[in-house]
């Protein structure tokens, strides 16, 4: 079948600065890269790796042009003779971090741990509810991502993410079925503290889509 419609235009791009804080300096010969992931073809496949530059021994940056209004899934990788991916302070593998490209921006991340190492560092938590901005009703099954840790809200719209490294983290709220617009903001995680945060998200506008299908000429 052939889809007939207007020719798509190239997406507008927005410059995004990623700033990553390391738990310890890299060893000689190691580099830090930012991996942009494609969940459709598999998180372990078709990743695009961008080298990061040191601002100091514990802070690395990269500036990328990203599609405006896109949802970017990414994580950090330490590279030498092998690739070492980051994980959470609790030792769980980070599937991906989330960033929404609303325009030119900057995202700050704290790398808690590496899959081949473990660190003892101050941690905190963030908890709250995701609500419909129009009705104030709780929203279940909304993905909340902070520092690579993820949580699906329960029937009361509640989320609770613990074991987050202290510092500024990007909190992203994502509706898996697209019914609500994405939301993100920086969340300051205090050592030994719980950061309360209720998030109100706006419903997505609906549009009509017309599909014109031309079957093969020999179709019965």
C-alpha atoms as a PDB file:
ATOM      1  CA  UNK A   1       0.000   0.000   0.000  1.00  0.00           C
ATOM      2  CA  UNK A   2       1.040   3.557  -0.653  1.00  0.00           C
ATOM      3  CA  UNK A   3       0.382   6.410   1.744  1.00  0.00           C
ATOM      4  CA  UNK A   4      -0.456   9.552  -0.161  1.00  0.00           C
ATOM      5  CA  UNK A   5      -0.007  12.813   1.618  1.00  0.00           C
ATOM      6  CA  UNK A   6       2.081  15.946   1.878  1.00  0.00           C
ATOM      7  CA  UNK A   7       5.848  15.575   1.673  1.00  0.00           C
ATOM      8  CA  UNK A   8       7.221  15.715   5.220  1.00  0.00           C
ATOM      9  CA  UNK A   9       9.421  18.683   6.017  1.00  0.00           C
ATOM     10  CA  UNK A  10      12.711  18.275   7.880  1.00  0.00           C
ATOM     11  CA  UNK A  11      12.297  18.783  11.633  1.00  0.00           C
ATOM     12  CA  UNK A  12      13.381  22.024  13.234  1.00  0.00           C
ATOM     13  CA  UNK A  13      16.431  21.567  15.419  1.00  0.00           C
ATOM     14  CA  UNK A  14      17.218  22.947  18.863  1.00  0.00           C
ATOM     15  CA  UNK A  15      20.644  23.108  20.464  1.00  0.00           C
ATOM     16  CA  UNK A  16      20.764  21.147  23.712  1.00  0.00           C
ATOM     17  CA  UNK A  17      23.607  21.140  26.224  1.00  0.00           C
ATOM     18  CA  UNK A  18      24.079  18.005  28.337  1.00  0.00           C
ATOM     19  CA  UNK A  19      26.101  18.333  31.553  1.00  0.00           C
ATOM     20  CA  UNK A  20      27.045  15.122  33.365  1.00  0.00           C
ATOM     21  CA  UNK A  21      28.590  14.931  36.851  1.00  0.00           C
ATOM     22  CA  UNK A  22      30.757  11.850  37.443  1.00  0.00           C
ATOM     23  CA  UNK A  23      31.144   9.935  40.721  1.00  0.00           C
ATOM     24  CA  UNK A  24      34.954   9.883  40.237  1.00  0.00           C
ATOM     25  CA  UNK A  25      37.435  10.993  37.558  1.00  0.00           C
ATOM     26  CA  UNK A  26      37.883   8.794  34.510  1.00  0.00           C
ATOM     27  CA  UNK A  27      40.927   6.529  34.383  1.00  0.00           C
ATOM     28  CA  UNK A  28      43.677   7.216  31.831  1.00  0.00           C
ATOM     29  CA  UNK A  29      42.554   6.129  28.379  1.00  0.00           C
ATOM     30  CA  UNK A  30      38.847   6.280  29.242  1.00  0.00           C
ATOM     31  CA  UNK A  31      36.327   8.580  27.578  1.00  0.00           C
ATOM     32  CA  UNK A  32      32.744   9.511  28.347  1.00  0.00           C
ATOM     33  CA  UNK A  33      30.073   9.312  25.671  1.00  0.00           C
ATOM     34  CA  UNK A  34      26.392  10.117  25.498  1.00  0.00           C
ATOM     35  CA  UNK A  35      24.395   7.358  23.785  1.00  0.00           C
ATOM     36  CA  UNK A  36      21.162   8.345  22.027  1.00  0.00           C
ATOM     37  CA  UNK A  37      18.960   5.231  22.023  1.00  0.00           C
ATOM     38  CA  UNK A  38      16.263   3.886  19.717  1.00  0.00           C
ATOM     39  CA  UNK A  39      13.708   1.855  21.675  1.00  0.00           C
ATOM     40  CA  UNK A  40      11.872   0.767  18.523  1.00  0.00           C
ATOM     41  CA  UNK A  41      14.784  -1.241  17.107  1.00  0.00           C
ATOM     42  CA  UNK A  42      16.095  -2.210  20.558  1.00  0.00           C
ATOM     43  CA  UNK A  43      17.977  -0.274  23.211  1.00  0.00           C
ATOM     44  CA  UNK A  44      21.123  -2.329  22.651  1.00  0.00           C
ATOM     45  CA  UNK A  45      21.039  -1.725  18.882  1.00  0.00           C
ATOM     46  CA  UNK A  46      21.596   1.302  16.655  1.00  0.00           C
ATOM     47  CA  UNK A  47      22.678   3.656  19.424  1.00  0.00           C
ATOM     48  CA  UNK A  48      24.425   6.842  18.304  1.00  0.00           C
ATOM     49  CA  UNK A  49      27.404   7.784  20.476  1.00  0.00           C
ATOM     50  CA  UNK A  50      28.518  11.372  21.006  1.00  0.00           C
ATOM     51  CA  UNK A  51      31.848  12.117  22.734  1.00  0.00           C
ATOM     52  CA  UNK A  52      31.711  14.437  25.723  1.00  0.00           C
ATOM     53  CA  UNK A  53      34.324  17.046  26.605  1.00  0.00           C
ATOM     54  CA  UNK A  54      35.679  17.628  30.128  1.00  0.00           C
ATOM     55  CA  UNK A  55      34.847  20.874  31.849  1.00  0.00           C
ATOM     56  CA  UNK A  56      36.839  19.605  34.832  1.00  0.00           C
ATOM     57  CA  UNK A  57      37.781  16.135  36.108  1.00  0.00           C
ATOM     58  CA  UNK A  58      34.231  15.415  37.325  1.00  0.00           C
ATOM     59  CA  UNK A  59      32.102  17.371  34.836  1.00  0.00           C
ATOM     60  CA  UNK A  60      31.642  16.583  31.147  1.00  0.00           C
ATOM     61  CA  UNK A  61      29.538  18.326  28.515  1.00  0.00           C
ATOM     62  CA  UNK A  62      28.204  17.781  25.011  1.00  0.00           C
ATOM     63  CA  UNK A  63      26.151  20.097  22.781  1.00  0.00           C
ATOM     64  CA  UNK A  64      23.800  18.359  20.348  1.00  0.00           C
ATOM     65  CA  UNK A  65      21.295  19.604  17.767  1.00  0.00           C
ATOM     66  CA  UNK A  66      18.063  17.703  18.491  1.00  0.00           C
ATOM     67  CA  UNK A  67      14.684  17.676  16.784  1.00  0.00           C
ATOM     68  CA  UNK A  68      12.303  20.244  18.226  1.00  0.00           C
ATOM     69  CA  UNK A  69       9.440  18.645  20.208  1.00  0.00           C
ATOM     70  CA  UNK A  70      11.148  15.244  20.112  1.00  0.00           C
ATOM     71  CA  UNK A  71      11.429  12.760  22.987  1.00  0.00           C
ATOM     72  CA  UNK A  72      15.082  11.783  23.457  1.00  0.00           C
ATOM     73  CA  UNK A  73      16.067   8.556  25.220  1.00  0.00           C
ATOM     74  CA  UNK A  74      19.688   8.391  26.247  1.00  0.00           C
ATOM     75  CA  UNK A  75      22.238   7.201  28.801  1.00  0.00           C
ATOM     76  CA  UNK A  76      25.919   7.645  29.574  1.00  0.00           C
ATOM     77  CA  UNK A  77      28.656   5.175  28.636  1.00  0.00           C
ATOM     78  CA  UNK A  78      32.242   4.959  29.856  1.00  0.00           C
ATOM     79  CA  UNK A  79      34.498   3.695  27.094  1.00  0.00           C
ATOM     80  CA  UNK A  80      38.015   2.261  26.943  1.00  0.00           C
ATOM     81  CA  UNK A  81      38.698  -1.264  25.695  1.00  0.00           C
ATOM     82  CA  UNK A  82      35.065  -2.041  26.534  1.00  0.00           C
ATOM     83  CA  UNK A  83      31.799  -0.162  27.067  1.00  0.00           C
ATOM     84  CA  UNK A  84      30.564   0.311  30.632  1.00  0.00           C
ATOM     85  CA  UNK A  85      27.014   1.617  31.021  1.00  0.00           C
ATOM     86  CA  UNK A  86      25.714   3.562  33.976  1.00  0.00           C
ATOM     87  CA  UNK A  87      23.339   2.135  36.551  1.00  0.00           C
ATOM     88  CA  UNK A  88      21.425   3.476  39.537  1.00  0.00           C
ATOM     89  CA  UNK A  89      22.694   3.851  43.093  1.00  0.00           C
ATOM     90  CA  UNK A  90      20.709   0.674  43.884  1.00  0.00           C
ATOM     91  CA  UNK A  91      22.602  -1.292  41.208  1.00  0.00           C
ATOM     92  CA  UNK A  92      19.733  -1.468  38.703  1.00  0.00           C
ATOM     93  CA  UNK A  93      20.564  -1.008  35.023  1.00  0.00           C
ATOM     94  CA  UNK A  94      19.462   2.300  33.544  1.00  0.00           C
ATOM     95  CA  UNK A  95      17.338   1.580  30.470  1.00  0.00           C
ATOM     96  CA  UNK A  96      17.342   5.217  29.476  1.00  0.00           C
ATOM     97  CA  UNK A  97      16.990   8.776  30.672  1.00  0.00           C
ATOM     98  CA  UNK A  98      14.318  11.025  29.143  1.00  0.00           C
ATOM     99  CA  UNK A  99      14.609  14.535  27.788  1.00  0.00           C
ATOM    100  CA  UNK A 100      11.937  16.526  25.947  1.00  0.00           C
ATOM    101  CA  UNK A 101      13.224  19.037  23.407  1.00  0.00           C
ATOM    102  CA  UNK A 102      10.913  22.014  23.881  1.00  0.00           C
ATOM    103  CA  UNK A 103      13.531  24.436  22.564  1.00  0.00           C
ATOM    104  CA  UNK A 104      17.136  25.372  23.151  1.00  0.00           C
ATOM    105  CA  UNK A 105      17.989  24.110  26.610  1.00  0.00           C
ATOM    106  CA  UNK A 106      20.323  22.546  29.106  1.00  0.00           C
ATOM    107  CA  UNK A 107      19.992  19.343  31.101  1.00  0.00           C
ATOM    108  CA  UNK A 108      22.036  18.462  34.189  1.00  0.00           C
ATOM    109  CA  UNK A 109      22.567  14.827  35.139  1.00  0.00           C
ATOM    110  CA  UNK A 110      24.303  13.097  38.018  1.00  0.00           C
ATOM    111  CA  UNK A 111      25.809   9.704  37.197  1.00  0.00           C
ATOM    112  CA  UNK A 112      25.230   7.588  40.292  1.00  0.00           C
ATOM    113  CA  UNK A 113      27.098   4.404  39.476  1.00  0.00           C
ATOM    114  CA  UNK A 114      28.748   2.261  36.823  1.00  0.00           C
ATOM    115  CA  UNK A 115      27.888  -1.349  36.135  1.00  0.00           C
ATOM    116  CA  UNK A 116      31.409  -2.443  37.108  1.00  0.00           C
ATOM    117  CA  UNK A 117      31.732  -0.272  40.239  1.00  0.00           C
ATOM    118  CA  UNK A 118      29.822   0.838  43.313  1.00  0.00           C
ATOM    119  CA  UNK A 119      29.995   4.070  45.275  1.00  0.00           C
ATOM    120  CA  UNK A 120      28.817   5.290  48.642  1.00  0.00           C
ATOM    121  CA  UNK A 121      27.318   8.735  48.215  1.00  0.00           C
ATOM    122  CA  UNK A 122      24.466  10.843  49.655  1.00  0.00           C
ATOM    123  CA  UNK A 123      21.054  10.055  48.221  1.00  0.00           C
ATOM    124  CA  UNK A 124      17.510  11.325  48.501  1.00  0.00           C
ATOM    125  CA  UNK A 125      14.095  10.649  47.021  1.00  0.00           C
ATOM    126  CA  UNK A 126      11.283  12.377  45.181  1.00  0.00           C
ATOM    127  CA  UNK A 127       7.604  11.534  45.501  1.00  0.00           C
ATOM    128  CA  UNK A 128       4.313  13.033  44.516  1.00  0.00           C
ATOM    129  CA  UNK A 129       1.348  12.690  42.159  1.00  0.00           C
ATOM    130  CA  UNK A 130       0.655  13.235  38.468  1.00  0.00           C
ATOM    131  CA  UNK A 131      -2.656  15.018  37.897  1.00  0.00           C
ATOM    132  CA  UNK A 132      -4.787  16.115  34.961  1.00  0.00           C
ATOM    133  CA  UNK A 133      -4.268  19.880  34.727  1.00  0.00           C
ATOM    134  CA  UNK A 134      -7.880  20.441  33.590  1.00  0.00           C
ATOM    135  CA  UNK A 135      -9.736  18.257  36.108  1.00  0.00           C
ATOM    136  CA  UNK A 136      -7.141  17.782  38.879  1.00  0.00           C
ATOM    137  CA  UNK A 137      -7.878  14.036  38.754  1.00  0.00           C
ATOM    138  CA  UNK A 138      -5.032  11.541  39.343  1.00  0.00           C
ATOM    139  CA  UNK A 139      -3.501   9.848  36.310  1.00  0.00           C
ATOM    140  CA  UNK A 140      -2.384   6.192  36.491  1.00  0.00           C
ATOM    141  CA  UNK A 141       0.226   4.525  34.244  1.00  0.00           C
ATOM    142  CA  UNK A 142       2.194   7.701  33.589  1.00  0.00           C
ATOM    143  CA  UNK A 143       5.950   7.199  33.340  1.00  0.00           C
ATOM    144  CA  UNK A 144       8.014   9.344  35.716  1.00  0.00           C
ATOM    145  CA  UNK A 145      11.775   9.340  35.124  1.00  0.00           C
ATOM    146  CA  UNK A 146      14.405  10.909  37.380  1.00  0.00           C
ATOM    147  CA  UNK A 147      18.120  10.245  37.020  1.00  0.00           C
ATOM    148  CA  UNK A 148      17.453   7.162  34.914  1.00  0.00           C
ATOM    149  CA  UNK A 149      15.166   5.618  37.554  1.00  0.00           C
ATOM    150  CA  UNK A 150      11.610   5.090  36.347  1.00  0.00           C
ATOM    151  CA  UNK A 151       8.216   4.674  37.975  1.00  0.00           C
ATOM    152  CA  UNK A 152       4.722   4.096  36.572  1.00  0.00           C
ATOM    153  CA  UNK A 153       2.123   5.976  38.598  1.00  0.00           C
ATOM    154  CA  UNK A 154      -0.411   3.874  40.496  1.00  0.00           C
ATOM    155  CA  UNK A 155      -4.204   4.191  40.470  1.00  0.00           C
ATOM    156  CA  UNK A 156      -3.938   7.316  42.646  1.00  0.00           C
ATOM    157  CA  UNK A 157      -1.426   8.914  40.273  1.00  0.00           C
ATOM    158  CA  UNK A 158       1.298   8.488  42.886  1.00  0.00           C
ATOM    159  CA  UNK A 159       5.020   7.980  42.230  1.00  0.00           C
ATOM    160  CA  UNK A 160       7.932   7.380  44.627  1.00  0.00           C
ATOM    161  CA  UNK A 161      11.541   7.249  43.452  1.00  0.00           C
ATOM    162  CA  UNK A 162      14.205   6.542  46.077  1.00  0.00           C
ATOM    163  CA  UNK A 163      17.970   6.130  46.066  1.00  0.00           C
ATOM    164  CA  UNK A 164      18.596   9.135  43.805  1.00  0.00           C
ATOM    165  CA  UNK A 165      22.025  10.780  44.042  1.00  0.00           C
ATOM    166  CA  UNK A 166      21.878  14.196  45.685  1.00  0.00           C
ATOM    167  CA  UNK A 167      21.991  17.135  43.295  1.00  0.00           C
ATOM    168  CA  UNK A 168      19.942  18.603  40.470  1.00  0.00           C
ATOM    169  CA  UNK A 169      18.173  15.966  38.369  1.00  0.00           C
ATOM    170  CA  UNK A 170      15.878  16.230  35.365  1.00  0.00           C
ATOM    171  CA  UNK A 171      12.368  15.018  36.223  1.00  0.00           C
ATOM    172  CA  UNK A 172      10.441  13.923  33.140  1.00  0.00           C
ATOM    173  CA  UNK A 173       6.778  12.875  32.991  1.00  0.00           C
ATOM    174  CA  UNK A 174       5.680  10.932  29.920  1.00  0.00           C
ATOM    175  CA  UNK A 175       2.283   9.598  28.844  1.00  0.00           C
ATOM    176  CA  UNK A 176       2.957   6.258  27.136  1.00  0.00           C
ATOM    177  CA  UNK A 177      -0.245   6.430  25.067  1.00  0.00           C
ATOM    178  CA  UNK A 178       0.252  10.090  24.118  1.00  0.00           C
ATOM    179  CA  UNK A 179      -2.962  11.277  25.767  1.00  0.00           C
ATOM    180  CA  UNK A 180      -1.119  13.902  27.794  1.00  0.00           C
ATOM    181  CA  UNK A 181       1.617  16.331  26.893  1.00  0.00           C
ATOM    182  CA  UNK A 182       5.092  15.636  28.275  1.00  0.00           C
ATOM    183  CA  UNK A 183       6.388  17.615  31.213  1.00  0.00           C
ATOM    184  CA  UNK A 184       9.846  18.149  32.659  1.00  0.00           C
ATOM    185  CA  UNK A 185      11.679  20.339  35.124  1.00  0.00           C
ATOM    186  CA  UNK A 186      14.774  20.264  37.282  1.00  0.00           C
ATOM    187  CA  UNK A 187      14.357  18.659  40.694  1.00  0.00           C
ATOM    188  CA  UNK A 188      16.825  19.374  43.498  1.00  0.00           C
ATOM    189  CA  UNK A 189      17.395  16.132  45.411  1.00  0.00           C
ATOM    190  CA  UNK A 190      18.581  16.795  48.961  1.00  0.00           C
ATOM    191  CA  UNK A 191      20.806  14.315  50.795  1.00  0.00           C
ATOM    192  CA  UNK A 192      18.675  12.221  53.153  1.00  0.00           C
ATOM    193  CA  UNK A 193      15.561  14.175  52.193  1.00  0.00           C
ATOM    194  CA  UNK A 194      12.357  13.545  50.259  1.00  0.00           C
ATOM    195  CA  UNK A 195      11.460  16.145  47.655  1.00  0.00           C
ATOM    196  CA  UNK A 196       7.657  16.464  47.293  1.00  0.00           C
ATOM    197  CA  UNK A 197       6.375  17.276  43.823  1.00  0.00           C
ATOM    198  CA  UNK A 198       2.867  17.190  42.394  1.00  0.00           C
ATOM    199  CA  UNK A 199       2.870  17.480  38.603  1.00  0.00           C
ATOM    200  CA  UNK A 200      -0.064  18.665  36.489  1.00  0.00           C
ATOM    201  CA  UNK A 201      -0.013  17.702  32.820  1.00  0.00           C
ATOM    202  CA  UNK A 202      -2.191  19.013  30.005  1.00  0.00           C
ATOM    203  CA  UNK A 203      -4.256  16.696  27.790  1.00  0.00           C
ATOM    204  CA  UNK A 204      -2.942  16.387  24.235  1.00  0.00           C
ATOM    205  CA  UNK A 205      -5.070  17.930  21.480  1.00  0.00           C
ATOM    206  CA  UNK A 206      -6.644  15.422  19.094  1.00  0.00           C
ATOM    207  CA  UNK A 207      -6.372  15.760  15.315  1.00  0.00           C
ATOM    208  CA  UNK A 208      -8.061  13.931  12.455  1.00  0.00           C
ATOM    209  CA  UNK A 209      -5.788  11.858  10.222  1.00  0.00           C
ATOM    210  CA  UNK A 210      -6.951  10.713   6.778  1.00  0.00           C
ATOM    211  CA  UNK A 211      -5.212   7.691   5.221  1.00  0.00           C
ATOM    212  CA  UNK A 212      -5.487   7.186   1.471  1.00  0.00           C
ATOM    213  CA  UNK A 213      -4.489   3.639   0.458  1.00  0.00           C
ATOM    214  CA  UNK A 214      -3.914   2.481  -3.128  1.00  0.00           C
ATOM    215  CA  UNK A 215      -4.039  -1.338  -3.375  1.00  0.00           C
ATOM    216  CA  UNK A 216      -2.201  -3.271  -6.110  1.00  0.00           C
ATOM    217  CA  UNK A 217      -4.059  -3.483  -9.417  1.00  0.00           C
ATOM    218  CA  UNK A 218      -4.447  -7.279  -9.131  1.00  0.00           C
ATOM    219  CA  UNK A 219      -6.215  -7.092  -5.787  1.00  0.00           C
ATOM    220  CA  UNK A 220      -9.384  -9.233  -5.729  1.00  0.00           C
END
